[in-house]
Amino acid sequence: AATPRRGGCTLDWPRSRPPVHAAPRAHRLVRAALHRLPAPPRTVKSDRGQAIVEFAMVLPLLLALIVAVVLVAEIGVARLALEHAAAEAARTGALTNDDDLMRATVAAAVTPLDPKLVSVSIDPPRTQPPRSGAPRGSLIRIRVRYVIPVPLGFVGLPQFVVEGAAARRIEWVP
C-alpha cells in the first residue's frame, strides 16, 4: 500500500526497493579495482614507418594503372593512324593501281607508329582480275595491321593487334 510522505505525496513502490541511482557496494568495488589495473602494453612504439609501408603496398597498383592508361591511349592512337593510312592507301590505289605506291602511302601515313611493324594486305592482288585487266569500277580493299609492342611482354601478357581497313572504287584506266 502507498504510504503518505511529507507534503502529501504518496509513493507507488515499496520502501524496500533502493533508488535507481544508488550502485551496490560490490559494483563500486569492481569499478575501482578496474581503474587501478595497468594499461595493456603497446606492441607498436611509434608510427614512423607506416606511411612508407603503405606507399610500398600501393605503388605497384599505381604503376599498373599508369601502364594500363598509357597502353589504352596507344591503342587509340594506333587505331586512328591505321584507319587514316588505309583510307589514304585506298585512295592512292584507286587513282594509280600501283601496289608499291600504296605501301609507300601507308608507311608515310602511319607517322606516330613504326612502319616496320605495319603489315599491308591489298585485295584483290594486282595479278588477279579485275586489277590485271580493265579494273575501272571494281573495288580495291586495303587492310592494315599493327602489332602493339606490350611492355613486360615476357610476363605472358597478350599482344594487341589493331587493324584498319578501307575500300574504294578504282578510277584508274590502263
N, C-alpha and C. Protein backbone atom coordinates (compact mmCIF):
# COMPACT_ATOMS: atom_id res chain seq x y z
N ALA A 1 0.84 -1.18 0.00
CA ALA A 1 0.00 0.00 0.00
C ALA A 1 0.88 1.23 0.00
N ALA A 2 0.34 2.27 -0.52
CA ALA A 2 1.09 3.51 -0.60
C ALA A 2 1.05 4.22 0.74
N THR A 3 2.19 4.72 1.14
CA THR A 3 2.26 5.44 2.41
C THR A 3 2.42 6.92 2.13
N PRO A 4 1.77 7.76 2.93
CA PRO A 4 1.90 9.20 2.68
C PRO A 4 3.28 9.70 3.07
N ARG A 5 3.79 10.64 2.33
CA ARG A 5 5.07 11.31 2.61
C ARG A 5 4.80 12.72 3.05
N ARG A 6 5.89 13.39 3.38
CA ARG A 6 5.73 14.79 3.74
C ARG A 6 5.24 15.57 2.53
N GLY A 7 4.42 16.47 2.71
CA GLY A 7 3.89 17.27 1.63
C GLY A 7 2.69 16.64 0.98
N GLY A 8 2.23 15.52 1.46
CA GLY A 8 1.03 14.90 0.96
C GLY A 8 1.24 13.98 -0.24
N CYS A 9 2.46 13.71 -0.67
CA CYS A 9 2.72 12.82 -1.82
C CYS A 9 2.70 11.39 -1.36
N THR A 10 2.30 10.51 -2.25
CA THR A 10 2.32 9.09 -1.95
C THR A 10 3.34 8.40 -2.83
N LEU A 11 3.88 7.33 -2.34
CA LEU A 11 4.86 6.54 -3.11
C LEU A 11 4.16 5.35 -3.73
N ASP A 12 4.49 5.05 -4.98
CA ASP A 12 3.87 3.93 -5.68
C ASP A 12 4.68 2.66 -5.57
N TRP A 13 5.85 2.69 -5.00
CA TRP A 13 6.66 1.47 -4.86
C TRP A 13 6.96 1.23 -3.40
N PRO A 14 7.31 0.02 -3.06
CA PRO A 14 7.62 -0.25 -1.65
C PRO A 14 8.92 0.41 -1.25
N ARG A 15 9.04 0.73 0.04
CA ARG A 15 10.24 1.40 0.56
C ARG A 15 11.46 0.51 0.52
N SER A 16 11.32 -0.80 0.46
CA SER A 16 12.48 -1.69 0.49
C SER A 16 13.30 -1.63 -0.80
N ARG A 17 12.75 -1.14 -1.85
CA ARG A 17 13.47 -1.08 -3.13
C ARG A 17 14.43 0.11 -3.12
N PRO A 18 15.72 -0.12 -3.48
CA PRO A 18 16.67 1.00 -3.46
C PRO A 18 16.43 1.95 -4.63
N PRO A 19 16.81 3.20 -4.50
CA PRO A 19 16.68 4.14 -5.61
C PRO A 19 17.55 3.70 -6.80
N VAL A 20 17.18 4.14 -7.99
CA VAL A 20 17.85 3.72 -9.22
C VAL A 20 19.28 4.22 -9.27
N HIS A 21 19.57 5.39 -8.78
CA HIS A 21 20.91 5.97 -8.90
C HIS A 21 21.93 5.37 -7.95
N ALA A 22 21.50 4.68 -6.97
CA ALA A 22 22.45 4.13 -5.99
C ALA A 22 23.02 2.82 -6.51
N ALA A 23 24.37 2.72 -6.59
CA ALA A 23 25.04 1.49 -7.05
C ALA A 23 25.35 0.63 -5.85
N PRO A 24 25.23 -0.67 -5.98
CA PRO A 24 25.59 -1.55 -4.86
C PRO A 24 27.07 -1.42 -4.54
N ARG A 25 27.42 -1.75 -3.35
CA ARG A 25 28.79 -1.62 -2.88
C ARG A 25 29.74 -2.50 -3.70
N ALA A 26 29.32 -3.72 -4.05
CA ALA A 26 30.19 -4.61 -4.83
C ALA A 26 30.50 -4.01 -6.20
N HIS A 27 29.53 -3.38 -6.79
CA HIS A 27 29.74 -2.77 -8.10
C HIS A 27 30.77 -1.64 -8.01
N ARG A 28 30.69 -0.85 -6.95
CA ARG A 28 31.66 0.23 -6.77
C ARG A 28 33.06 -0.32 -6.55
N LEU A 29 33.18 -1.42 -5.85
CA LEU A 29 34.50 -2.02 -5.60
C LEU A 29 35.12 -2.55 -6.89
N VAL A 30 34.32 -3.21 -7.73
CA VAL A 30 34.83 -3.74 -9.01
C VAL A 30 35.26 -2.60 -9.91
N ARG A 31 34.48 -1.55 -9.96
CA ARG A 31 34.83 -0.42 -10.80
C ARG A 31 36.12 0.24 -10.33
N ALA A 32 36.31 0.35 -9.06
CA ALA A 32 37.54 0.94 -8.52
C ALA A 32 38.74 0.04 -8.80
N ALA A 33 38.56 -1.27 -8.73
CA ALA A 33 39.66 -2.19 -9.00
C ALA A 33 40.07 -2.14 -10.47
N LEU A 34 39.11 -1.99 -11.36
CA LEU A 34 39.42 -1.90 -12.78
C LEU A 34 40.19 -0.63 -13.11
N HIS A 35 39.91 0.44 -12.42
CA HIS A 35 40.63 1.68 -12.68
C HIS A 35 42.07 1.60 -12.22
N ARG A 36 42.37 0.72 -11.28
CA ARG A 36 43.74 0.59 -10.78
C ARG A 36 44.60 -0.35 -11.61
N LEU A 37 44.00 -1.13 -12.56
CA LEU A 37 44.79 -2.07 -13.38
C LEU A 37 45.70 -1.29 -14.33
N PRO A 38 46.91 -1.82 -14.58
CA PRO A 38 47.78 -1.14 -15.54
C PRO A 38 47.25 -1.33 -16.96
N ALA A 39 47.54 -0.38 -17.82
CA ALA A 39 47.11 -0.46 -19.22
C ALA A 39 47.87 -1.59 -19.92
N PRO A 40 47.25 -2.26 -20.88
CA PRO A 40 47.96 -3.31 -21.61
C PRO A 40 49.14 -2.70 -22.37
N PRO A 41 50.25 -3.42 -22.45
CA PRO A 41 51.43 -2.86 -23.12
C PRO A 41 51.17 -2.70 -24.62
N ARG A 42 51.66 -1.61 -25.22
CA ARG A 42 51.53 -1.37 -26.66
C ARG A 42 52.61 -2.16 -27.39
N THR A 43 52.22 -2.80 -28.46
CA THR A 43 53.21 -3.55 -29.23
C THR A 43 53.95 -2.65 -30.21
N VAL A 44 53.31 -1.56 -30.64
CA VAL A 44 53.94 -0.63 -31.57
C VAL A 44 54.37 0.59 -30.77
N LYS A 45 55.65 0.89 -30.83
CA LYS A 45 56.17 2.03 -30.07
C LYS A 45 55.91 3.35 -30.79
N SER A 46 55.99 3.35 -32.16
CA SER A 46 55.75 4.58 -32.91
C SER A 46 55.20 4.22 -34.30
N ASP A 47 54.68 5.23 -34.98
CA ASP A 47 54.11 5.06 -36.31
C ASP A 47 55.00 5.66 -37.39
N ARG A 48 56.29 5.71 -37.16
CA ARG A 48 57.19 6.43 -38.06
C ARG A 48 57.27 5.80 -39.44
N GLY A 49 57.25 4.49 -39.59
CA GLY A 49 57.41 3.84 -40.89
C GLY A 49 56.11 3.47 -41.56
N GLN A 50 54.99 3.84 -40.98
CA GLN A 50 53.70 3.42 -41.51
C GLN A 50 53.44 3.99 -42.90
N ALA A 51 53.73 5.23 -43.13
CA ALA A 51 53.46 5.85 -44.43
C ALA A 51 54.30 5.21 -45.53
N ILE A 52 55.54 4.88 -45.24
CA ILE A 52 56.40 4.25 -46.24
C ILE A 52 55.90 2.86 -46.58
N VAL A 53 55.47 2.12 -45.59
CA VAL A 53 54.95 0.77 -45.83
C VAL A 53 53.67 0.84 -46.66
N GLU A 54 52.78 1.77 -46.34
CA GLU A 54 51.55 1.91 -47.11
C GLU A 54 51.85 2.32 -48.55
N PHE A 55 52.81 3.22 -48.74
CA PHE A 55 53.19 3.63 -50.09
C PHE A 55 53.78 2.46 -50.86
N ALA A 56 54.60 1.66 -50.21
CA ALA A 56 55.19 0.49 -50.88
C ALA A 56 54.12 -0.53 -51.27
N MET A 57 53.05 -0.59 -50.52
CA MET A 57 51.97 -1.52 -50.86
C MET A 57 51.11 -0.99 -52.01
N VAL A 58 50.94 0.32 -52.11
CA VAL A 58 50.08 0.91 -53.13
C VAL A 58 50.83 1.17 -54.44
N LEU A 59 52.15 1.34 -54.38
CA LEU A 59 52.94 1.69 -55.56
C LEU A 59 52.77 0.72 -56.72
N PRO A 60 52.82 -0.60 -56.54
CA PRO A 60 52.63 -1.50 -57.70
C PRO A 60 51.26 -1.33 -58.36
N LEU A 61 50.23 -1.07 -57.56
CA LEU A 61 48.91 -0.85 -58.15
C LEU A 61 48.87 0.44 -58.97
N LEU A 62 49.50 1.48 -58.46
CA LEU A 62 49.55 2.74 -59.21
C LEU A 62 50.32 2.59 -60.51
N LEU A 63 51.45 1.89 -60.47
CA LEU A 63 52.24 1.68 -61.68
C LEU A 63 51.47 0.86 -62.70
N ALA A 64 50.78 -0.18 -62.27
CA ALA A 64 49.97 -0.99 -63.19
C ALA A 64 48.86 -0.16 -63.81
N LEU A 65 48.26 0.71 -63.03
CA LEU A 65 47.20 1.58 -63.56
C LEU A 65 47.75 2.56 -64.59
N ILE A 66 48.92 3.12 -64.33
CA ILE A 66 49.53 4.05 -65.28
C ILE A 66 49.89 3.34 -66.57
N VAL A 67 50.46 2.14 -66.48
CA VAL A 67 50.80 1.37 -67.69
C VAL A 67 49.53 1.06 -68.48
N ALA A 68 48.45 0.71 -67.81
CA ALA A 68 47.19 0.40 -68.50
C ALA A 68 46.64 1.63 -69.22
N VAL A 69 46.71 2.79 -68.59
CA VAL A 69 46.22 4.01 -69.23
C VAL A 69 47.06 4.35 -70.46
N VAL A 70 48.37 4.22 -70.36
CA VAL A 70 49.25 4.51 -71.49
C VAL A 70 48.99 3.52 -72.63
N LEU A 71 48.77 2.26 -72.30
CA LEU A 71 48.52 1.24 -73.31
C LEU A 71 47.19 1.49 -74.03
N VAL A 72 46.16 1.86 -73.29
CA VAL A 72 44.87 2.17 -73.92
C VAL A 72 45.00 3.39 -74.83
N ALA A 73 45.77 4.38 -74.41
CA ALA A 73 45.99 5.56 -75.25
C ALA A 73 46.74 5.18 -76.52
N GLU A 74 47.73 4.31 -76.40
CA GLU A 74 48.48 3.88 -77.58
C GLU A 74 47.60 3.08 -78.54
N ILE A 75 46.70 2.27 -78.01
CA ILE A 75 45.77 1.53 -78.87
C ILE A 75 44.86 2.50 -79.62
N GLY A 76 44.39 3.53 -78.95
CA GLY A 76 43.54 4.52 -79.62
C GLY A 76 44.27 5.27 -80.71
N VAL A 77 45.51 5.68 -80.44
CA VAL A 77 46.30 6.38 -81.45
C VAL A 77 46.57 5.46 -82.64
N ALA A 78 46.89 4.20 -82.37
CA ALA A 78 47.16 3.24 -83.45
C ALA A 78 45.92 3.03 -84.30
N ARG A 79 44.77 2.93 -83.66
CA ARG A 79 43.52 2.72 -84.41
C ARG A 79 43.26 3.89 -85.36
N LEU A 80 43.40 5.11 -84.87
CA LEU A 80 43.18 6.29 -85.71
C LEU A 80 44.20 6.36 -86.85
N ALA A 81 45.46 6.10 -86.54
CA ALA A 81 46.51 6.18 -87.56
C ALA A 81 46.30 5.11 -88.64
N LEU A 82 45.90 3.91 -88.24
CA LEU A 82 45.70 2.84 -89.22
C LEU A 82 44.48 3.08 -90.10
N GLU A 83 43.41 3.60 -89.53
CA GLU A 83 42.24 3.93 -90.35
C GLU A 83 42.59 5.01 -91.37
N HIS A 84 43.34 6.01 -90.94
CA HIS A 84 43.77 7.07 -91.85
C HIS A 84 44.69 6.52 -92.94
N ALA A 85 45.65 5.68 -92.55
CA ALA A 85 46.59 5.12 -93.53
C ALA A 85 45.87 4.23 -94.53
N ALA A 86 44.90 3.43 -94.08
CA ALA A 86 44.15 2.57 -95.00
C ALA A 86 43.33 3.41 -95.98
N ALA A 87 42.72 4.48 -95.51
CA ALA A 87 41.94 5.34 -96.39
C ALA A 87 42.83 6.02 -97.43
N GLU A 88 44.00 6.49 -97.01
CA GLU A 88 44.93 7.13 -97.94
C GLU A 88 45.47 6.13 -98.97
N ALA A 89 45.78 4.92 -98.52
CA ALA A 89 46.28 3.90 -99.44
C ALA A 89 45.19 3.48 -100.43
N ALA A 90 43.95 3.37 -99.98
CA ALA A 90 42.86 3.01 -100.89
C ALA A 90 42.64 4.12 -101.92
N ARG A 91 42.76 5.35 -101.49
CA ARG A 91 42.64 6.47 -102.43
C ARG A 91 43.76 6.44 -103.46
N THR A 92 44.98 6.19 -102.99
CA THR A 92 46.11 6.09 -103.92
C THR A 92 45.92 4.93 -104.88
N GLY A 93 45.46 3.78 -104.36
CA GLY A 93 45.24 2.62 -105.22
C GLY A 93 44.13 2.85 -106.22
N ALA A 94 43.10 3.59 -105.84
CA ALA A 94 42.01 3.87 -106.76
C ALA A 94 42.46 4.76 -107.91
N LEU A 95 43.44 5.61 -107.66
CA LEU A 95 43.91 6.53 -108.70
C LEU A 95 45.08 5.99 -109.51
N THR A 96 45.90 5.09 -108.92
CA THR A 96 47.12 4.66 -109.62
C THR A 96 47.19 3.17 -109.92
N ASN A 97 46.51 2.32 -109.14
CA ASN A 97 46.57 0.86 -109.27
C ASN A 97 48.00 0.34 -109.11
N ASP A 98 48.80 0.98 -108.25
CA ASP A 98 50.20 0.61 -108.04
C ASP A 98 50.38 0.15 -106.59
N ASP A 99 50.73 -1.15 -106.40
CA ASP A 99 50.88 -1.71 -105.06
C ASP A 99 52.02 -1.06 -104.28
N ASP A 100 53.14 -0.82 -104.95
CA ASP A 100 54.29 -0.22 -104.25
C ASP A 100 53.96 1.19 -103.76
N LEU A 101 53.24 1.93 -104.56
CA LEU A 101 52.86 3.28 -104.17
C LEU A 101 51.86 3.25 -103.00
N MET A 102 50.97 2.25 -102.99
CA MET A 102 50.02 2.11 -101.87
C MET A 102 50.77 1.79 -100.58
N ARG A 103 51.76 0.90 -100.65
CA ARG A 103 52.54 0.56 -99.45
C ARG A 103 53.35 1.77 -98.97
N ALA A 104 53.89 2.55 -99.89
CA ALA A 104 54.62 3.76 -99.50
C ALA A 104 53.68 4.78 -98.86
N THR A 105 52.46 4.85 -99.35
CA THR A 105 51.47 5.76 -98.76
C THR A 105 51.14 5.35 -97.33
N VAL A 106 51.00 4.03 -97.11
CA VAL A 106 50.74 3.54 -95.75
C VAL A 106 51.91 3.90 -94.83
N ALA A 107 53.14 3.66 -95.30
CA ALA A 107 54.32 3.95 -94.48
C ALA A 107 54.40 5.43 -94.11
N ALA A 108 53.99 6.30 -95.04
CA ALA A 108 54.03 7.73 -94.76
C ALA A 108 52.87 8.17 -93.86
N ALA A 109 51.74 7.48 -93.93
CA ALA A 109 50.55 7.92 -93.19
C ALA A 109 50.51 7.42 -91.75
N VAL A 110 51.28 6.39 -91.42
CA VAL A 110 51.27 5.87 -90.04
C VAL A 110 52.36 6.54 -89.22
N THR A 111 52.46 7.82 -89.32
CA THR A 111 53.55 8.59 -88.72
C THR A 111 53.83 8.31 -87.25
N PRO A 112 52.88 8.28 -86.34
CA PRO A 112 53.27 8.03 -84.95
C PRO A 112 53.67 6.58 -84.69
N LEU A 113 53.34 5.66 -85.60
CA LEU A 113 53.65 4.25 -85.42
C LEU A 113 54.93 3.88 -86.16
N ASP A 114 55.47 2.73 -85.83
CA ASP A 114 56.66 2.22 -86.51
C ASP A 114 56.23 1.54 -87.80
N PRO A 115 56.60 2.07 -88.97
CA PRO A 115 56.16 1.47 -90.24
C PRO A 115 56.66 0.04 -90.44
N LYS A 116 57.72 -0.35 -89.75
CA LYS A 116 58.24 -1.72 -89.90
C LYS A 116 57.31 -2.75 -89.26
N LEU A 117 56.51 -2.33 -88.30
CA LEU A 117 55.58 -3.24 -87.62
C LEU A 117 54.19 -3.25 -88.27
N VAL A 118 54.03 -2.50 -89.36
CA VAL A 118 52.74 -2.42 -90.04
C VAL A 118 52.74 -3.38 -91.22
N SER A 119 51.71 -4.21 -91.32
CA SER A 119 51.57 -5.10 -92.48
C SER A 119 50.37 -4.63 -93.31
N VAL A 120 50.53 -4.70 -94.62
CA VAL A 120 49.51 -4.21 -95.55
C VAL A 120 49.06 -5.37 -96.42
N SER A 121 47.75 -5.55 -96.53
CA SER A 121 47.23 -6.53 -97.49
C SER A 121 46.29 -5.81 -98.45
N ILE A 122 46.46 -6.12 -99.72
CA ILE A 122 45.69 -5.48 -100.78
C ILE A 122 44.84 -6.55 -101.45
N ASP A 123 43.54 -6.30 -101.56
CA ASP A 123 42.64 -7.28 -102.16
C ASP A 123 41.82 -6.59 -103.24
N PRO A 124 41.76 -7.07 -104.40
CA PRO A 124 42.43 -8.24 -104.98
C PRO A 124 43.87 -7.90 -105.34
N PRO A 125 44.73 -8.92 -105.41
CA PRO A 125 46.12 -8.67 -105.82
C PRO A 125 46.19 -8.15 -107.26
N ARG A 126 47.30 -7.52 -107.59
CA ARG A 126 47.45 -6.90 -108.91
C ARG A 126 47.45 -7.93 -110.04
N THR A 127 47.84 -9.15 -109.74
CA THR A 127 47.94 -10.18 -110.79
C THR A 127 46.60 -10.85 -111.07
N GLN A 128 45.58 -10.61 -110.28
CA GLN A 128 44.28 -11.25 -110.48
C GLN A 128 43.27 -10.26 -111.08
N PRO A 129 42.32 -10.80 -111.85
CA PRO A 129 41.27 -9.91 -112.35
C PRO A 129 40.45 -9.39 -111.17
N PRO A 130 39.90 -8.27 -111.17
CA PRO A 130 39.79 -7.32 -112.27
C PRO A 130 40.97 -6.36 -112.38
N ARG A 131 41.90 -6.41 -111.45
CA ARG A 131 43.01 -5.44 -111.48
C ARG A 131 43.98 -5.71 -112.61
N SER A 132 44.06 -6.94 -113.11
CA SER A 132 45.02 -7.24 -114.18
C SER A 132 44.50 -6.80 -115.54
N GLY A 133 43.19 -6.64 -115.68
CA GLY A 133 42.63 -6.23 -116.97
C GLY A 133 42.19 -4.78 -116.93
N ALA A 134 40.90 -4.59 -117.07
CA ALA A 134 40.31 -3.25 -117.02
C ALA A 134 39.65 -3.10 -115.64
N PRO A 135 40.35 -2.53 -114.68
CA PRO A 135 39.85 -2.52 -113.31
C PRO A 135 38.85 -1.42 -112.98
N ARG A 136 38.62 -0.49 -113.89
CA ARG A 136 37.77 0.67 -113.56
C ARG A 136 36.40 0.22 -113.06
N GLY A 137 36.00 0.77 -111.90
CA GLY A 137 34.70 0.46 -111.30
C GLY A 137 34.73 -0.67 -110.28
N SER A 138 35.80 -1.46 -110.24
CA SER A 138 35.87 -2.54 -109.25
C SER A 138 36.42 -2.00 -107.92
N LEU A 139 36.17 -2.75 -106.87
CA LEU A 139 36.61 -2.32 -105.53
C LEU A 139 38.03 -2.78 -105.25
N ILE A 140 38.77 -1.91 -104.59
CA ILE A 140 40.07 -2.29 -104.04
C ILE A 140 39.97 -2.13 -102.52
N ARG A 141 40.39 -3.16 -101.82
CA ARG A 141 40.30 -3.17 -100.36
C ARG A 141 41.71 -3.20 -99.77
N ILE A 142 41.93 -2.33 -98.81
CA ILE A 142 43.22 -2.26 -98.12
C ILE A 142 42.98 -2.59 -96.66
N ARG A 143 43.76 -3.53 -96.14
CA ARG A 143 43.69 -3.88 -94.71
C ARG A 143 45.10 -3.67 -94.14
N VAL A 144 45.16 -2.90 -93.06
CA VAL A 144 46.43 -2.55 -92.42
C VAL A 144 46.39 -3.09 -91.00
N ARG A 145 47.45 -3.82 -90.61
CA ARG A 145 47.54 -4.40 -89.25
C ARG A 145 48.79 -3.90 -88.56
N TYR A 146 48.68 -3.73 -87.25
CA TYR A 146 49.81 -3.26 -86.45
C TYR A 146 49.80 -4.02 -85.13
N VAL A 147 50.94 -4.60 -84.78
CA VAL A 147 51.09 -5.31 -83.51
C VAL A 147 51.72 -4.33 -82.52
N ILE A 148 50.99 -4.03 -81.46
CA ILE A 148 51.48 -3.07 -80.47
C ILE A 148 52.47 -3.78 -79.55
N PRO A 149 53.69 -3.25 -79.45
CA PRO A 149 54.65 -3.84 -78.52
C PRO A 149 54.20 -3.58 -77.08
N VAL A 150 53.95 -4.65 -76.34
CA VAL A 150 53.45 -4.55 -74.97
C VAL A 150 54.64 -4.51 -74.01
N PRO A 151 54.66 -3.53 -73.09
CA PRO A 151 55.71 -3.56 -72.08
C PRO A 151 55.50 -4.77 -71.18
N LEU A 152 56.55 -5.37 -70.74
CA LEU A 152 56.51 -6.58 -69.91
C LEU A 152 55.85 -7.73 -70.66
N GLY A 153 56.10 -7.82 -71.96
CA GLY A 153 55.53 -8.91 -72.76
C GLY A 153 56.07 -10.26 -72.37
N PHE A 154 57.25 -10.29 -71.77
CA PHE A 154 57.84 -11.56 -71.36
C PHE A 154 57.08 -12.20 -70.20
N VAL A 155 56.23 -11.43 -69.52
CA VAL A 155 55.47 -11.95 -68.38
C VAL A 155 54.32 -12.84 -68.86
N GLY A 156 53.96 -12.72 -70.12
CA GLY A 156 52.87 -13.51 -70.66
C GLY A 156 51.66 -12.68 -71.03
N LEU A 157 51.83 -11.36 -71.07
CA LEU A 157 50.72 -10.51 -71.48
C LEU A 157 50.46 -10.72 -72.97
N PRO A 158 49.21 -10.69 -73.39
CA PRO A 158 48.90 -10.91 -74.80
C PRO A 158 49.32 -9.71 -75.65
N GLN A 159 49.58 -9.98 -76.92
CA GLN A 159 49.88 -8.90 -77.84
C GLN A 159 48.57 -8.29 -78.32
N PHE A 160 48.60 -7.01 -78.56
CA PHE A 160 47.42 -6.32 -79.07
C PHE A 160 47.62 -6.06 -80.56
N VAL A 161 46.68 -6.53 -81.36
CA VAL A 161 46.72 -6.31 -82.80
C VAL A 161 45.59 -5.35 -83.15
N VAL A 162 45.97 -4.25 -83.79
CA VAL A 162 45.00 -3.24 -84.18
C VAL A 162 44.93 -3.24 -85.70
N GLU A 163 43.72 -3.14 -86.23
CA GLU A 163 43.54 -3.16 -87.68
C GLU A 163 42.78 -1.93 -88.14
N GLY A 164 43.06 -1.58 -89.39
CA GLY A 164 42.30 -0.54 -90.06
C GLY A 164 42.03 -1.01 -91.47
N ALA A 165 40.89 -0.66 -92.02
CA ALA A 165 40.53 -1.11 -93.36
C ALA A 165 39.80 0.00 -94.10
N ALA A 166 39.93 -0.05 -95.43
CA ALA A 166 39.22 0.91 -96.28
C ALA A 166 39.02 0.28 -97.65
N ALA A 167 38.03 0.76 -98.37
CA ALA A 167 37.75 0.28 -99.73
C ALA A 167 37.37 1.47 -100.60
N ARG A 168 37.78 1.41 -101.87
CA ARG A 168 37.46 2.47 -102.84
C ARG A 168 37.21 1.83 -104.21
N ARG A 169 36.47 2.52 -105.03
CA ARG A 169 36.27 2.10 -106.42
C ARG A 169 37.46 2.57 -107.24
N ILE A 170 37.97 1.68 -108.04
CA ILE A 170 39.15 2.02 -108.86
C ILE A 170 38.71 2.93 -110.01
N GLU A 171 39.42 4.04 -110.15
CA GLU A 171 39.15 5.00 -111.22
C GLU A 171 40.22 4.95 -112.31
N TRP A 172 41.26 4.21 -112.05
CA TRP A 172 42.40 4.17 -112.97
C TRP A 172 42.03 3.44 -114.25
N VAL A 173 42.46 3.96 -115.37
CA VAL A 173 42.23 3.33 -116.66
C VAL A 173 43.59 2.99 -117.25
N PRO A 174 43.78 1.70 -117.68
CA PRO A 174 45.10 1.33 -118.24
C PRO A 174 45.39 1.99 -119.58
